[in-house]
All heavy atoms as atom14 arrays in JSON, in Angstrom:
{
  "sequence": "WLPKLRAFDASPYAEAEVMHNMSLLARYLNKLQKLGF",
  "atom14_mask": [
    [1, 1, 1, 1, 1, 1, 1, 1, 1, 1, 1, 1, 1, 1],
    [1, 1, 1, 1, 1, 1, 1, 1, 0, 0, 0, 0, 0, 0],
    [1, 1, 1, 1, 1, 1, 1, 0, 0, 0, 0, 0, 0, 0],
    [1, 1, 1, 1, 1, 1, 1, 1, 1, 0, 0, 0, 0, 0],
    [1, 1, 1, 1, 1, 1, 1, 1, 0, 0, 0, 0, 0, 0],
    [1, 1, 1, 1, 1, 1, 1, 1, 1, 1, 1, 0, 0, 0],
    [1, 1, 1, 1, 1, 0, 0, 0, 0, 0, 0, 0, 0, 0],
    [1, 1, 1, 1, 1, 1, 1, 1, 1, 1, 1, 0, 0, 0],
    [1, 1, 1, 1, 1, 1, 1, 1, 0, 0, 0, 0, 0, 0],
    [1, 1, 1, 1, 1, 0, 0, 0, 0, 0, 0, 0, 0, 0],
    [1, 1, 1, 1, 1, 1, 0, 0, 0, 0, 0, 0, 0, 0],
    [1, 1, 1, 1, 1, 1, 1, 0, 0, 0, 0, 0, 0, 0],
    [1, 1, 1, 1, 1, 1, 1, 1, 1, 1, 1, 1, 0, 0],
    [1, 1, 1, 1, 1, 0, 0, 0, 0, 0, 0, 0, 0, 0],
    [1, 1, 1, 1, 1, 1, 1, 1, 1, 0, 0, 0, 0, 0],
    [1, 1, 1, 1, 1, 0, 0, 0, 0, 0, 0, 0, 0, 0],
    [1, 1, 1, 1, 1, 1, 1, 1, 1, 0, 0, 0, 0, 0],
    [1, 1, 1, 1, 1, 1, 1, 0, 0, 0, 0, 0, 0, 0],
    [1, 1, 1, 1, 1, 1, 1, 1, 0, 0, 0, 0, 0, 0],
    [1, 1, 1, 1, 1, 1, 1, 1, 1, 1, 0, 0, 0, 0],
    [1, 1, 1, 1, 1, 1, 1, 1, 0, 0, 0, 0, 0, 0],
    [1, 1, 1, 1, 1, 1, 1, 1, 0, 0, 0, 0, 0, 0],
    [1, 1, 1, 1, 1, 1, 0, 0, 0, 0, 0, 0, 0, 0],
    [1, 1, 1, 1, 1, 1, 1, 1, 0, 0, 0, 0, 0, 0],
    [1, 1, 1, 1, 1, 1, 1, 1, 0, 0, 0, 0, 0, 0],
    [1, 1, 1, 1, 1, 0, 0, 0, 0, 0, 0, 0, 0, 0],
    [1, 1, 1, 1, 1, 1, 1, 1, 1, 1, 1, 0, 0, 0],
    [1, 1, 1, 1, 1, 1, 1, 1, 1, 1, 1, 1, 0, 0],
    [1, 1, 1, 1, 1, 1, 1, 1, 0, 0, 0, 0, 0, 0],
    [1, 1, 1, 1, 1, 1, 1, 1, 0, 0, 0, 0, 0, 0],
    [1, 1, 1, 1, 1, 1, 1, 1, 1, 0, 0, 0, 0, 0],
    [1, 1, 1, 1, 1, 1, 1, 1, 0, 0, 0, 0, 0, 0],
    [1, 1, 1, 1, 1, 1, 1, 1, 1, 0, 0, 0, 0, 0],
    [1, 1, 1, 1, 1, 1, 1, 1, 1, 0, 0, 0, 0, 0],
    [1, 1, 1, 1, 1, 1, 1, 1, 0, 0, 0, 0, 0, 0],
    [1, 1, 1, 1, 0, 0, 0, 0, 0, 0, 0, 0, 0, 0],
    [1, 1, 1, 1, 1, 1, 1, 1, 1, 1, 1, 0, 0, 0]
  ],
  "atom14_positions": [
    [[13.33, 9.68, 2.98], [13.02, 8.75, 1.89], [13.86, 9.0, 0.66], [14.37, 8.06, 0.03], [11.52, 8.76, 1.55], [11.07, 10.01, 0.93], [10.58, 11.13, 1.58], [10.95, 10.26, -0.45], [10.22, 12.08, 0.69], [10.47, 11.62, -0.58], [11.24, 9.57, -1.63], [10.26, 12.19, -1.84], [11.03, 10.19, -2.87], [10.55, 11.5, -2.96]],
    [[14.02, 10.27, 0.23], [14.7, 10.52, -1.01], [16.19, 10.26, -0.93], [16.75, 9.54, -1.8], [14.42, 11.99, -1.44], [15.0, 12.38, -2.87], [14.47, 11.41, -3.94], [14.61, 13.78, -3.18], [0.0, 0.0, 0.0], [0.0, 0.0, 0.0], [0.0, 0.0, 0.0], [0.0, 0.0, 0.0], [0.0, 0.0, 0.0], [0.0, 0.0, 0.0]],
    [[16.94, 10.66, 0.14], [18.32, 10.29, 0.21], [18.53, 8.78, 0.24], [19.47, 8.25, -0.32], [18.81, 10.96, 1.51], [17.84, 12.06, 1.77], [16.55, 11.63, 1.18], [0.0, 0.0, 0.0], [0.0, 0.0, 0.0], [0.0, 0.0, 0.0], [0.0, 0.0, 0.0], [0.0, 0.0, 0.0], [0.0, 0.0, 0.0], [0.0, 0.0, 0.0]],
    [[17.61, 8.09, 0.91], [17.72, 6.63, 1.01], [17.53, 6.0, -0.42], [18.28, 5.13, -0.77], [16.64, 6.07, 1.98], [17.0, 6.34, 3.42], [15.92, 5.79, 4.34], [16.26, 6.06, 5.8], [15.24, 5.54, 6.7], [0.0, 0.0, 0.0], [0.0, 0.0, 0.0], [0.0, 0.0, 0.0], [0.0, 0.0, 0.0], [0.0, 0.0, 0.0]],
    [[16.51, 6.5, -1.16], [16.34, 5.95, -2.5], [17.51, 6.21, -3.41], [17.93, 5.37, -4.16], [15.06, 6.48, -3.16], [13.73, 6.22, -2.47], [12.58, 6.6, -3.36], [13.6, 4.82, -2.03], [0.0, 0.0, 0.0], [0.0, 0.0, 0.0], [0.0, 0.0, 0.0], [0.0, 0.0, 0.0], [0.0, 0.0, 0.0], [0.0, 0.0, 0.0]],
    [[18.07, 7.42, -3.26], [19.27, 7.76, -4.06], [20.46, 6.94, -3.69], [21.41, 6.78, -4.52], [19.55, 9.26, -3.93], [18.6, 10.12, -4.66], [18.88, 11.6, -4.57], [17.97, 12.4, -5.39], [17.66, 13.61, -5.19], [18.25, 14.29, -4.17], [16.82, 14.27, -5.94], [0.0, 0.0, 0.0], [0.0, 0.0, 0.0], [0.0, 0.0, 0.0]],
    [[20.47, 6.41, -2.46], [21.56, 5.53, -2.01], [21.25, 4.04, -2.25], [21.89, 3.19, -1.72], [21.81, 5.79, -0.43], [0.0, 0.0, 0.0], [0.0, 0.0, 0.0], [0.0, 0.0, 0.0], [0.0, 0.0, 0.0], [0.0, 0.0, 0.0], [0.0, 0.0, 0.0], [0.0, 0.0, 0.0], [0.0, 0.0, 0.0], [0.0, 0.0, 0.0]],
    [[20.24, 3.79, -3.06], [19.81, 2.46, -3.41], [19.4, 1.65, -2.21], [19.64, 0.42, -2.13], [20.86, 1.71, -4.24], [21.17, 2.4, -5.56], [22.2, 3.35, -5.67], [20.37, 2.09, -6.69], [22.41, 4.0, -6.9], [20.64, 2.75, -7.89], [21.65, 3.7, -8.01], [0.0, 0.0, 0.0], [0.0, 0.0, 0.0], [0.0, 0.0, 0.0]],
    [[18.68, 2.3, -1.29], [18.16, 1.7, -0.08], [16.66, 1.53, -0.3], [15.92, 2.5, -0.41], [18.42, 2.58, 1.13], [17.84, 2.07, 2.4], [17.14, 1.05, 2.4], [18.08, 2.78, 3.43], [0.0, 0.0, 0.0], [0.0, 0.0, 0.0], [0.0, 0.0, 0.0], [0.0, 0.0, 0.0], [0.0, 0.0, 0.0], [0.0, 0.0, 0.0]],
    [[16.2, 0.28, -0.36], [14.76, -0.02, -0.62], [13.9, 0.05, 0.6], [12.68, -0.08, 0.56], [14.61, -1.35, -1.31], [0.0, 0.0, 0.0], [0.0, 0.0, 0.0], [0.0, 0.0, 0.0], [0.0, 0.0, 0.0], [0.0, 0.0, 0.0], [0.0, 0.0, 0.0], [0.0, 0.0, 0.0], [0.0, 0.0, 0.0], [0.0, 0.0, 0.0]],
    [[14.52, 0.29, 1.78], [13.77, 0.26, 3.03], [12.55, 1.19, 3.09], [11.53, 0.83, 3.68], [14.66, 0.45, 4.25], [15.17, 1.76, 4.26], [0.0, 0.0, 0.0], [0.0, 0.0, 0.0], [0.0, 0.0, 0.0], [0.0, 0.0, 0.0], [0.0, 0.0, 0.0], [0.0, 0.0, 0.0], [0.0, 0.0, 0.0], [0.0, 0.0, 0.0]],
    [[12.57, 2.42, 2.49], [11.38, 3.28, 2.61], [10.14, 2.61, 1.99], [9.0, 2.88, 2.46], [11.81, 4.52, 1.85], [13.28, 4.57, 1.99], [13.73, 3.15, 1.93], [0.0, 0.0, 0.0], [0.0, 0.0, 0.0], [0.0, 0.0, 0.0], [0.0, 0.0, 0.0], [0.0, 0.0, 0.0], [0.0, 0.0, 0.0], [0.0, 0.0, 0.0]],
    [[10.3, 1.81, 1.0], [9.13, 1.16, 0.38], [8.52, 0.16, 1.34], [7.31, -0.03, 1.39], [9.51, 0.42, -0.89], [9.98, 1.34, -2.02], [11.33, 1.44, -2.33], [9.03, 2.09, -2.72], [11.74, 2.3, -3.34], [9.45, 2.95, -3.73], [10.8, 3.06, -4.07], [11.19, 3.89, -5.04], [0.0, 0.0, 0.0], [0.0, 0.0, 0.0]],
    [[9.29, -0.46, 2.2], [8.79, -1.43, 3.15], [8.27, -0.73, 4.37], [7.29, -1.17, 5.04], [9.92, -2.41, 3.57], [0.0, 0.0, 0.0], [0.0, 0.0, 0.0], [0.0, 0.0, 0.0], [0.0, 0.0, 0.0], [0.0, 0.0, 0.0], [0.0, 0.0, 0.0], [0.0, 0.0, 0.0], [0.0, 0.0, 0.0], [0.0, 0.0, 0.0]],
    [[8.87, 0.43, 4.75], [8.51, 1.12, 5.98], [7.35, 2.1, 5.82], [6.81, 2.59, 6.81], [9.71, 1.96, 6.48], [10.92, 1.11, 6.87], [12.2, 1.9, 7.0], [12.15, 3.16, 6.95], [13.22, 1.3, 7.27], [0.0, 0.0, 0.0], [0.0, 0.0, 0.0], [0.0, 0.0, 0.0], [0.0, 0.0, 0.0], [0.0, 0.0, 0.0]],
    [[6.93, 2.37, 4.6], [5.85, 3.32, 4.36], [4.61, 2.97, 5.15], [4.19, 1.8, 5.15], [5.55, 3.37, 2.89], [0.0, 0.0, 0.0], [0.0, 0.0, 0.0], [0.0, 0.0, 0.0], [0.0, 0.0, 0.0], [0.0, 0.0, 0.0], [0.0, 0.0, 0.0], [0.0, 0.0, 0.0], [0.0, 0.0, 0.0], [0.0, 0.0, 0.0]],
    [[4.02, 3.97, 5.79], [2.79, 3.77, 6.51], [1.65, 3.7, 5.48], [1.78, 4.11, 4.35], [2.52, 4.96, 7.47], [3.55, 5.07, 8.54], [3.47, 3.99, 9.6], [2.35, 3.42, 9.8], [4.52, 3.63, 10.17], [0.0, 0.0, 0.0], [0.0, 0.0, 0.0], [0.0, 0.0, 0.0], [0.0, 0.0, 0.0], [0.0, 0.0, 0.0]],
    [[0.48, 3.2, 5.94], [-0.7, 3.15, 5.07], [-1.3, 4.56, 4.99], [-1.08, 5.38, 5.85], [-1.76, 2.13, 5.59], [-1.14, 0.74, 5.62], [-2.26, 2.56, 6.96], [0.0, 0.0, 0.0], [0.0, 0.0, 0.0], [0.0, 0.0, 0.0], [0.0, 0.0, 0.0], [0.0, 0.0, 0.0], [0.0, 0.0, 0.0], [0.0, 0.0, 0.0]],
    [[-2.02, 4.8, 3.94], [-2.63, 6.13, 3.75], [-4.16, 6.12, 3.94], [-4.78, 7.13, 3.88], [-2.29, 6.66, 2.34], [-0.81, 6.93, 2.18], [-0.41, 7.7, 0.6], [-1.12, 9.33, 0.79], [0.0, 0.0, 0.0], [0.0, 0.0, 0.0], [0.0, 0.0, 0.0], [0.0, 0.0, 0.0], [0.0, 0.0, 0.0], [0.0, 0.0, 0.0]],
    [[-4.72, 4.92, 4.14], [-6.11, 4.76, 4.29], [-6.43, 3.67, 5.28], [-5.51, 2.94, 5.73], [-6.75, 4.35, 2.94], [-6.35, 5.26, 1.8], [-6.96, 6.47, 1.59], [-5.4, 5.16, 0.83], [-6.4, 7.09, 0.56], [-5.44, 6.25, 0.1], [0.0, 0.0, 0.0], [0.0, 0.0, 0.0], [0.0, 0.0, 0.0], [0.0, 0.0, 0.0]],
    [[-7.69, 3.52, 5.62], [-8.08, 2.4, 6.46], [-8.04, 1.15, 5.59], [-8.95, 0.9, 4.78], [-9.56, 2.64, 6.98], [-10.1, 1.52, 7.78], [-9.7, 0.37, 7.64], [-11.06, 1.83, 8.64], [0.0, 0.0, 0.0], [0.0, 0.0, 0.0], [0.0, 0.0, 0.0], [0.0, 0.0, 0.0], [0.0, 0.0, 0.0], [0.0, 0.0, 0.0]],
    [[-6.97, 0.37, 5.72], [-6.73, -0.77, 4.87], [-7.75, -1.92, 5.06], [-8.04, -2.63, 4.14], [-5.29, -1.3, 5.02], [-4.3, -0.19, 4.62], [-4.6, 0.57, 3.01], [-3.44, -0.29, 2.02], [0.0, 0.0, 0.0], [0.0, 0.0, 0.0], [0.0, 0.0, 0.0], [0.0, 0.0, 0.0], [0.0, 0.0, 0.0], [0.0, 0.0, 0.0]],
    [[-8.22, -2.07, 6.27], [-9.24, -3.13, 6.54], [-10.52, -2.78, 5.78], [-11.06, -3.67, 5.11], [-9.54, -3.19, 8.04], [-10.55, -4.06, 8.31], [0.0, 0.0, 0.0], [0.0, 0.0, 0.0], [0.0, 0.0, 0.0], [0.0, 0.0, 0.0], [0.0, 0.0, 0.0], [0.0, 0.0, 0.0], [0.0, 0.0, 0.0], [0.0, 0.0, 0.0]],
    [[-10.92, -1.56, 5.8], [-12.14, -1.15, 5.06], [-11.87, -1.23, 3.51], [-12.72, -1.74, 2.76], [-12.54, 0.32, 5.43], [-13.79, 0.83, 4.78], [-15.01, -0.03, 5.12], [-14.03, 2.31, 5.2], [0.0, 0.0, 0.0], [0.0, 0.0, 0.0], [0.0, 0.0, 0.0], [0.0, 0.0, 0.0], [0.0, 0.0, 0.0], [0.0, 0.0, 0.0]],
    [[-10.71, -0.78, 3.08], [-10.34, -0.9, 1.69], [-10.41, -2.36, 1.24], [-10.97, -2.64, 0.18], [-8.96, -0.29, 1.42], [-8.48, -0.32, -0.02], [-9.4, 0.42, -0.97], [-7.05, 0.23, -0.12], [0.0, 0.0, 0.0], [0.0, 0.0, 0.0], [0.0, 0.0, 0.0], [0.0, 0.0, 0.0], [0.0, 0.0, 0.0], [0.0, 0.0, 0.0]],
    [[-9.86, -3.23, 2.02], [-9.85, -4.65, 1.65], [-11.25, -5.18, 1.54], [-11.59, -5.94, 0.58], [-9.05, -5.47, 2.66], [0.0, 0.0, 0.0], [0.0, 0.0, 0.0], [0.0, 0.0, 0.0], [0.0, 0.0, 0.0], [0.0, 0.0, 0.0], [0.0, 0.0, 0.0], [0.0, 0.0, 0.0], [0.0, 0.0, 0.0], [0.0, 0.0, 0.0]],
    [[-12.13, -4.81, 2.45], [-13.54, -5.26, 2.43], [-14.2, -4.8, 1.12], [-14.89, -5.58, 0.45], [-14.31, -4.78, 3.64], [-14.07, -5.59, 4.86], [-15.15, -5.36, 5.91], [-15.2, -4.01, 6.37], [-14.5, -3.51, 7.38], [-13.67, -4.3, 8.09], [-14.59, -2.24, 7.79], [0.0, 0.0, 0.0], [0.0, 0.0, 0.0], [0.0, 0.0, 0.0]],
    [[-14.03, -3.55, 0.8], [-14.6, -2.97, -0.41], [-14.07, -3.72, -1.65], [-14.82, -4.06, -2.54], [-14.33, -1.47, -0.53], [-15.17, -0.56, 0.29], [-15.99, -1.03, 1.3], [-15.11, 0.82, 0.06], [-16.78, -0.15, 2.07], [-15.9, 1.67, 0.81], [-16.73, 1.17, 1.79], [-17.48, 2.05, 2.56], [0.0, 0.0, 0.0], [0.0, 0.0, 0.0]],
    [[-12.78, -3.89, -1.71], [-12.16, -4.53, -2.86], [-12.64, -5.94, -3.03], [-12.89, -6.42, -4.15], [-10.64, -4.44, -2.83], [-10.02, -3.03, -2.88], [-8.5, -3.07, -2.78], [-10.49, -2.34, -4.16], [0.0, 0.0, 0.0], [0.0, 0.0, 0.0], [0.0, 0.0, 0.0], [0.0, 0.0, 0.0], [0.0, 0.0, 0.0], [0.0, 0.0, 0.0]],
    [[-12.72, -6.68, -1.95], [-13.16, -8.1, -2.04], [-14.61, -8.11, -2.46], [-14.95, -9.05, -3.25], [-12.93, -8.78, -0.7], [-11.48, -9.17, -0.47], [-10.78, -9.57, -1.41], [-10.97, -8.92, 0.72], [0.0, 0.0, 0.0], [0.0, 0.0, 0.0], [0.0, 0.0, 0.0], [0.0, 0.0, 0.0], [0.0, 0.0, 0.0], [0.0, 0.0, 0.0]],
    [[-15.46, -7.22, -2.02], [-16.84, -7.17, -2.47], [-16.93, -6.87, -3.97], [-17.69, -7.49, -4.74], [-17.64, -6.14, -1.7], [-17.99, -6.56, -0.27], [-18.75, -5.43, 0.43], [-19.0, -5.8, 1.87], [-19.72, -4.73, 2.61], [0.0, 0.0, 0.0], [0.0, 0.0, 0.0], [0.0, 0.0, 0.0], [0.0, 0.0, 0.0], [0.0, 0.0, 0.0]],
    [[-16.14, -5.91, -4.41], [-16.17, -5.53, -5.8], [-15.65, -6.68, -6.68], [-16.18, -6.94, -7.75], [-15.35, -4.27, -6.04], [-16.07, -2.97, -5.53], [-15.1, -1.87, -5.38], [-17.22, -2.59, -6.48], [0.0, 0.0, 0.0], [0.0, 0.0, 0.0], [0.0, 0.0, 0.0], [0.0, 0.0, 0.0], [0.0, 0.0, 0.0], [0.0, 0.0, 0.0]],
    [[-14.66, -7.34, -6.2], [-14.11, -8.5, -6.97], [-15.19, -9.58, -7.1], [-15.35, -10.2, -8.17], [-12.86, -9.05, -6.28], [-11.96, -9.84, -7.22], [-10.64, -10.09, -6.57], [-10.52, -10.33, -5.38], [-9.56, -10.03, -7.39], [0.0, 0.0, 0.0], [0.0, 0.0, 0.0], [0.0, 0.0, 0.0], [0.0, 0.0, 0.0], [0.0, 0.0, 0.0]],
    [[-15.96, -9.83, -6.03], [-17.04, -10.82, -6.12], [-18.1, -10.38, -7.1], [-18.82, -11.22, -7.69], [-17.65, -11.03, -4.72], [-16.76, -11.88, -3.82], [-17.34, -12.08, -2.45], [-16.38, -12.87, -1.64], [-16.55, -12.65, -0.22], [0.0, 0.0, 0.0], [0.0, 0.0, 0.0], [0.0, 0.0, 0.0], [0.0, 0.0, 0.0], [0.0, 0.0, 0.0]],
    [[-18.24, -9.05, -7.34], [-19.24, -8.55, -8.33], [-18.65, -8.59, -9.73], [-19.36, -8.22, -10.67], [-19.63, -7.1, -7.95], [-20.43, -6.93, -6.69], [-20.57, -5.47, -6.3], [-21.78, -7.54, -6.84], [0.0, 0.0, 0.0], [0.0, 0.0, 0.0], [0.0, 0.0, 0.0], [0.0, 0.0, 0.0], [0.0, 0.0, 0.0], [0.0, 0.0, 0.0]],
    [[-17.37, -9.04, -9.9], [-16.83, -9.16, -11.22], [-15.74, -8.17, -11.61], [-15.21, -8.25, -12.71], [0.0, 0.0, 0.0], [0.0, 0.0, 0.0], [0.0, 0.0, 0.0], [0.0, 0.0, 0.0], [0.0, 0.0, 0.0], [0.0, 0.0, 0.0], [0.0, 0.0, 0.0], [0.0, 0.0, 0.0], [0.0, 0.0, 0.0], [0.0, 0.0, 0.0]],
    [[-15.45, -7.25, -10.73], [-14.37, -6.3, -11.01], [-13.02, -7.06, -10.85], [-12.88, -7.92, -9.98], [-14.37, -5.15, -10.05], [-15.45, -4.16, -10.32], [-16.71, -4.29, -9.79], [-15.21, -3.03, -11.15], [-17.73, -3.37, -10.06], [-16.21, -2.11, -11.4], [-17.46, -2.29, -10.88], [0.0, 0.0, 0.0], [0.0, 0.0, 0.0], [0.0, 0.0, 0.0]]
  ]
}
């Protein structure tokens, strides 16, 4: 990732894996948004 960024290659930003269960995160965020967050 670092040599790529230094070479002005943006691909690591697109290729990065998720760090959490994104389906669960999305559910929580959508619920919180409905509550006014």
